[in-house]
Amino acid sequence: MPKDKTADCYVGLISKLNRIENQINKMHKGISELKLKLSEELDPDEEICVDAIESDLALLESIEDMCLTALLDREPEGDA
């Protein structure tokens, strides 16, 4: 493979990796904001309901799985 094609291939791969990294960073920021918002809503005098916490955790895991699946299921773009 000529050096020009190899360089173009690497540039394309780096570009795609940068986009993936940006998406991951956006998801991380969103999760951090969500955690902060949830922690601000905690009231120390409020009774803790274990079922509600388990439900919220299940929802969070489900959202995480959907996000990761969406990233992994994306079709490759270009020739890479």
N, C-alpha and C. Protein backbone atom coordinates (compact mmCIF):
# COMPACT_ATOMS: atom_id res chain seq x y z
N MET A 1 0.86 -1.17 0.00
CA MET A 1 0.00 0.00 0.00
C MET A 1 0.91 1.24 0.00
N PRO A 2 0.66 2.17 -0.89
CA PRO A 2 1.47 3.39 -0.93
C PRO A 2 1.34 4.18 0.38
N LYS A 3 2.39 4.94 0.67
CA LYS A 3 2.41 5.70 1.93
C LYS A 3 1.26 6.69 2.02
N ASP A 4 0.87 7.29 0.89
CA ASP A 4 -0.24 8.25 0.91
C ASP A 4 -1.53 7.58 1.35
N LYS A 5 -1.81 6.38 0.84
CA LYS A 5 -3.04 5.68 1.21
C LYS A 5 -2.99 5.26 2.68
N THR A 6 -1.81 4.84 3.13
CA THR A 6 -1.66 4.45 4.52
C THR A 6 -1.89 5.65 5.43
N ALA A 7 -1.32 6.78 5.07
CA ALA A 7 -1.50 8.00 5.87
C ALA A 7 -2.98 8.40 5.89
N ASP A 8 -3.65 8.33 4.75
CA ASP A 8 -5.08 8.67 4.68
C ASP A 8 -5.90 7.73 5.57
N CYS A 9 -5.51 6.46 5.56
CA CYS A 9 -6.22 5.47 6.38
C CYS A 9 -6.07 5.81 7.86
N TYR A 10 -4.85 6.14 8.28
CA TYR A 10 -4.62 6.48 9.68
C TYR A 10 -5.34 7.78 10.06
N VAL A 11 -5.37 8.73 9.18
CA VAL A 11 -6.07 9.99 9.46
C VAL A 11 -7.56 9.71 9.66
N GLY A 12 -8.12 8.85 8.81
CA GLY A 12 -9.53 8.48 8.95
C GLY A 12 -9.81 7.77 10.25
N LEU A 13 -8.91 6.84 10.62
CA LEU A 13 -9.09 6.12 11.88
C LEU A 13 -9.00 7.06 13.08
N ILE A 14 -8.04 7.94 13.05
CA ILE A 14 -7.88 8.89 14.16
C ILE A 14 -9.11 9.79 14.26
N SER A 15 -9.63 10.20 13.14
CA SER A 15 -10.84 11.04 13.13
C SER A 15 -12.01 10.30 13.77
N LYS A 16 -12.18 9.03 13.41
CA LYS A 16 -13.28 8.25 13.97
C LYS A 16 -13.08 8.01 15.46
N LEU A 17 -11.85 7.74 15.85
CA LEU A 17 -11.57 7.56 17.28
C LEU A 17 -11.84 8.84 18.06
N ASN A 18 -11.53 9.98 17.47
CA ASN A 18 -11.81 11.26 18.13
C ASN A 18 -13.31 11.45 18.32
N ARG A 19 -14.10 11.09 17.31
CA ARG A 19 -15.56 11.22 17.44
C ARG A 19 -16.10 10.30 18.52
N ILE A 20 -15.57 9.07 18.58
CA ILE A 20 -16.00 8.13 19.61
C ILE A 20 -15.63 8.67 20.99
N GLU A 21 -14.40 9.19 21.10
CA GLU A 21 -13.96 9.76 22.37
C GLU A 21 -14.84 10.93 22.78
N ASN A 22 -15.23 11.78 21.83
CA ASN A 22 -16.11 12.90 22.13
C ASN A 22 -17.46 12.42 22.64
N GLN A 23 -18.01 11.38 22.02
CA GLN A 23 -19.29 10.84 22.47
C GLN A 23 -19.17 10.28 23.88
N ILE A 24 -18.09 9.57 24.14
CA ILE A 24 -17.88 9.01 25.48
C ILE A 24 -17.75 10.13 26.50
N ASN A 25 -17.02 11.18 26.15
CA ASN A 25 -16.86 12.31 27.06
C ASN A 25 -18.20 12.99 27.34
N LYS A 26 -19.04 13.12 26.30
CA LYS A 26 -20.37 13.72 26.51
C LYS A 26 -21.21 12.84 27.44
N MET A 27 -21.14 11.51 27.24
CA MET A 27 -21.89 10.60 28.10
C MET A 27 -21.37 10.70 29.54
N HIS A 28 -20.06 10.77 29.71
CA HIS A 28 -19.47 10.88 31.05
C HIS A 28 -19.93 12.16 31.73
N LYS A 29 -19.93 13.26 30.98
CA LYS A 29 -20.36 14.54 31.54
C LYS A 29 -21.84 14.47 31.94
N GLY A 30 -22.66 13.87 31.08
CA GLY A 30 -24.08 13.74 31.39
C GLY A 30 -24.32 12.89 32.63
N ILE A 31 -23.57 11.80 32.76
CA ILE A 31 -23.71 10.95 33.93
C ILE A 31 -23.27 11.69 35.19
N SER A 32 -22.17 12.44 35.08
CA SER A 32 -21.70 13.22 36.24
C SER A 32 -22.73 14.25 36.66
N GLU A 33 -23.33 14.92 35.68
CA GLU A 33 -24.37 15.91 36.00
C GLU A 33 -25.58 15.25 36.63
N LEU A 34 -25.95 14.09 36.14
CA LEU A 34 -27.09 13.36 36.69
C LEU A 34 -26.80 12.94 38.13
N LYS A 35 -25.59 12.44 38.38
CA LYS A 35 -25.22 12.06 39.75
C LYS A 35 -25.25 13.26 40.68
N LEU A 36 -24.75 14.39 40.21
CA LEU A 36 -24.75 15.61 41.02
C LEU A 36 -26.18 16.04 41.33
N LYS A 37 -27.02 16.02 40.30
CA LYS A 37 -28.41 16.43 40.49
C LYS A 37 -29.13 15.51 41.48
N LEU A 38 -28.87 14.22 41.36
CA LEU A 38 -29.51 13.27 42.27
C LEU A 38 -29.00 13.46 43.70
N SER A 39 -27.71 13.72 43.85
CA SER A 39 -27.17 13.90 45.19
C SER A 39 -27.68 15.19 45.83
N GLU A 40 -27.96 16.21 45.04
CA GLU A 40 -28.51 17.46 45.57
C GLU A 40 -29.94 17.29 46.05
N GLU A 41 -30.64 16.32 45.48
CA GLU A 41 -32.03 16.11 45.84
C GLU A 41 -32.20 15.24 47.08
N LEU A 42 -31.09 14.69 47.59
CA LEU A 42 -31.18 13.85 48.77
C LEU A 42 -31.53 14.70 49.99
N ASP A 43 -32.49 14.24 50.72
CA ASP A 43 -32.91 14.91 51.96
C ASP A 43 -32.56 13.97 53.12
N PRO A 44 -31.70 14.40 54.03
CA PRO A 44 -31.28 13.50 55.11
C PRO A 44 -32.43 13.05 56.01
N ASP A 45 -33.50 13.81 56.06
CA ASP A 45 -34.64 13.44 56.90
C ASP A 45 -35.64 12.54 56.19
N GLU A 46 -35.45 12.38 54.88
CA GLU A 46 -36.40 11.58 54.10
C GLU A 46 -36.15 10.09 54.34
N GLU A 47 -37.24 9.35 54.43
CA GLU A 47 -37.14 7.91 54.62
C GLU A 47 -36.62 7.27 53.34
N ILE A 48 -35.70 6.33 53.48
CA ILE A 48 -35.10 5.68 52.32
C ILE A 48 -35.93 4.45 51.95
N CYS A 49 -36.31 4.40 50.70
CA CYS A 49 -37.09 3.28 50.18
C CYS A 49 -36.16 2.42 49.32
N VAL A 50 -35.84 1.22 49.80
CA VAL A 50 -34.90 0.35 49.11
C VAL A 50 -35.43 -0.03 47.73
N ASP A 51 -36.72 -0.28 47.60
CA ASP A 51 -37.30 -0.64 46.31
C ASP A 51 -37.12 0.47 45.28
N ALA A 52 -37.29 1.71 45.71
CA ALA A 52 -37.12 2.84 44.79
C ALA A 52 -35.65 2.96 44.35
N ILE A 53 -34.74 2.73 45.28
CA ILE A 53 -33.31 2.80 44.95
C ILE A 53 -32.95 1.68 43.97
N GLU A 54 -33.43 0.47 44.24
CA GLU A 54 -33.16 -0.65 43.33
C GLU A 54 -33.75 -0.39 41.95
N SER A 55 -34.92 0.21 41.91
CA SER A 55 -35.56 0.54 40.64
C SER A 55 -34.73 1.57 39.87
N ASP A 56 -34.26 2.60 40.58
CA ASP A 56 -33.43 3.62 39.94
C ASP A 56 -32.12 3.03 39.42
N LEU A 57 -31.52 2.13 40.21
CA LEU A 57 -30.28 1.48 39.77
C LEU A 57 -30.51 0.63 38.53
N ALA A 58 -31.62 -0.08 38.49
CA ALA A 58 -31.95 -0.90 37.32
C ALA A 58 -32.15 -0.02 36.10
N LEU A 59 -32.80 1.12 36.29
CA LEU A 59 -33.00 2.06 35.19
C LEU A 59 -31.67 2.60 34.70
N LEU A 60 -30.79 2.97 35.62
CA LEU A 60 -29.48 3.49 35.27
C LEU A 60 -28.66 2.44 34.50
N GLU A 61 -28.69 1.19 34.95
CA GLU A 61 -27.97 0.13 34.25
C GLU A 61 -28.54 -0.08 32.85
N SER A 62 -29.85 0.00 32.74
CA SER A 62 -30.49 -0.16 31.45
C SER A 62 -30.07 0.95 30.48
N ILE A 63 -30.04 2.18 30.97
CA ILE A 63 -29.62 3.31 30.14
C ILE A 63 -28.16 3.14 29.72
N GLU A 64 -27.33 2.72 30.66
CA GLU A 64 -25.91 2.49 30.36
C GLU A 64 -25.76 1.42 29.28
N ASP A 65 -26.50 0.33 29.41
CA ASP A 65 -26.44 -0.74 28.41
C ASP A 65 -26.88 -0.25 27.04
N MET A 66 -27.94 0.56 27.01
CA MET A 66 -28.42 1.09 25.72
C MET A 66 -27.38 1.99 25.07
N CYS A 67 -26.73 2.83 25.87
CA CYS A 67 -25.71 3.73 25.33
C CYS A 67 -24.53 2.95 24.78
N LEU A 68 -24.06 1.98 25.54
CA LEU A 68 -22.93 1.19 25.09
C LEU A 68 -23.29 0.36 23.86
N THR A 69 -24.49 -0.21 23.85
CA THR A 69 -24.94 -0.99 22.70
C THR A 69 -25.04 -0.10 21.47
N ALA A 70 -25.55 1.10 21.63
CA ALA A 70 -25.67 2.02 20.50
C ALA A 70 -24.30 2.36 19.93
N LEU A 71 -23.31 2.54 20.79
CA LEU A 71 -21.97 2.82 20.31
C LEU A 71 -21.38 1.62 19.58
N LEU A 72 -21.59 0.43 20.12
CA LEU A 72 -21.01 -0.76 19.53
C LEU A 72 -21.73 -1.20 18.26
N ASP A 73 -23.01 -0.88 18.13
CA ASP A 73 -23.80 -1.31 16.98
C ASP A 73 -23.67 -0.39 15.77
N ARG A 74 -22.98 0.72 15.94
CA ARG A 74 -22.82 1.66 14.82
C ARG A 74 -22.02 1.00 13.72
N GLU A 75 -22.48 1.18 12.52
CA GLU A 75 -21.76 0.66 11.35
C GLU A 75 -20.53 1.51 11.10
N PRO A 76 -19.44 0.87 10.72
CA PRO A 76 -18.25 1.64 10.39
C PRO A 76 -18.50 2.57 9.21
N GLU A 77 -17.87 3.73 9.26
CA GLU A 77 -18.02 4.69 8.17
C GLU A 77 -16.76 4.70 7.35
N GLY A 78 -16.89 4.84 6.06
CA GLY A 78 -15.73 4.94 5.19
C GLY A 78 -15.10 3.60 4.90
N ASP A 79 -13.83 3.64 4.52
CA ASP A 79 -13.12 2.42 4.09
C ASP A 79 -12.38 1.72 5.21
N ALA A 80 -12.35 2.30 6.38
CA ALA A 80 -11.55 1.73 7.46
C ALA A 80 -12.17 0.47 7.99
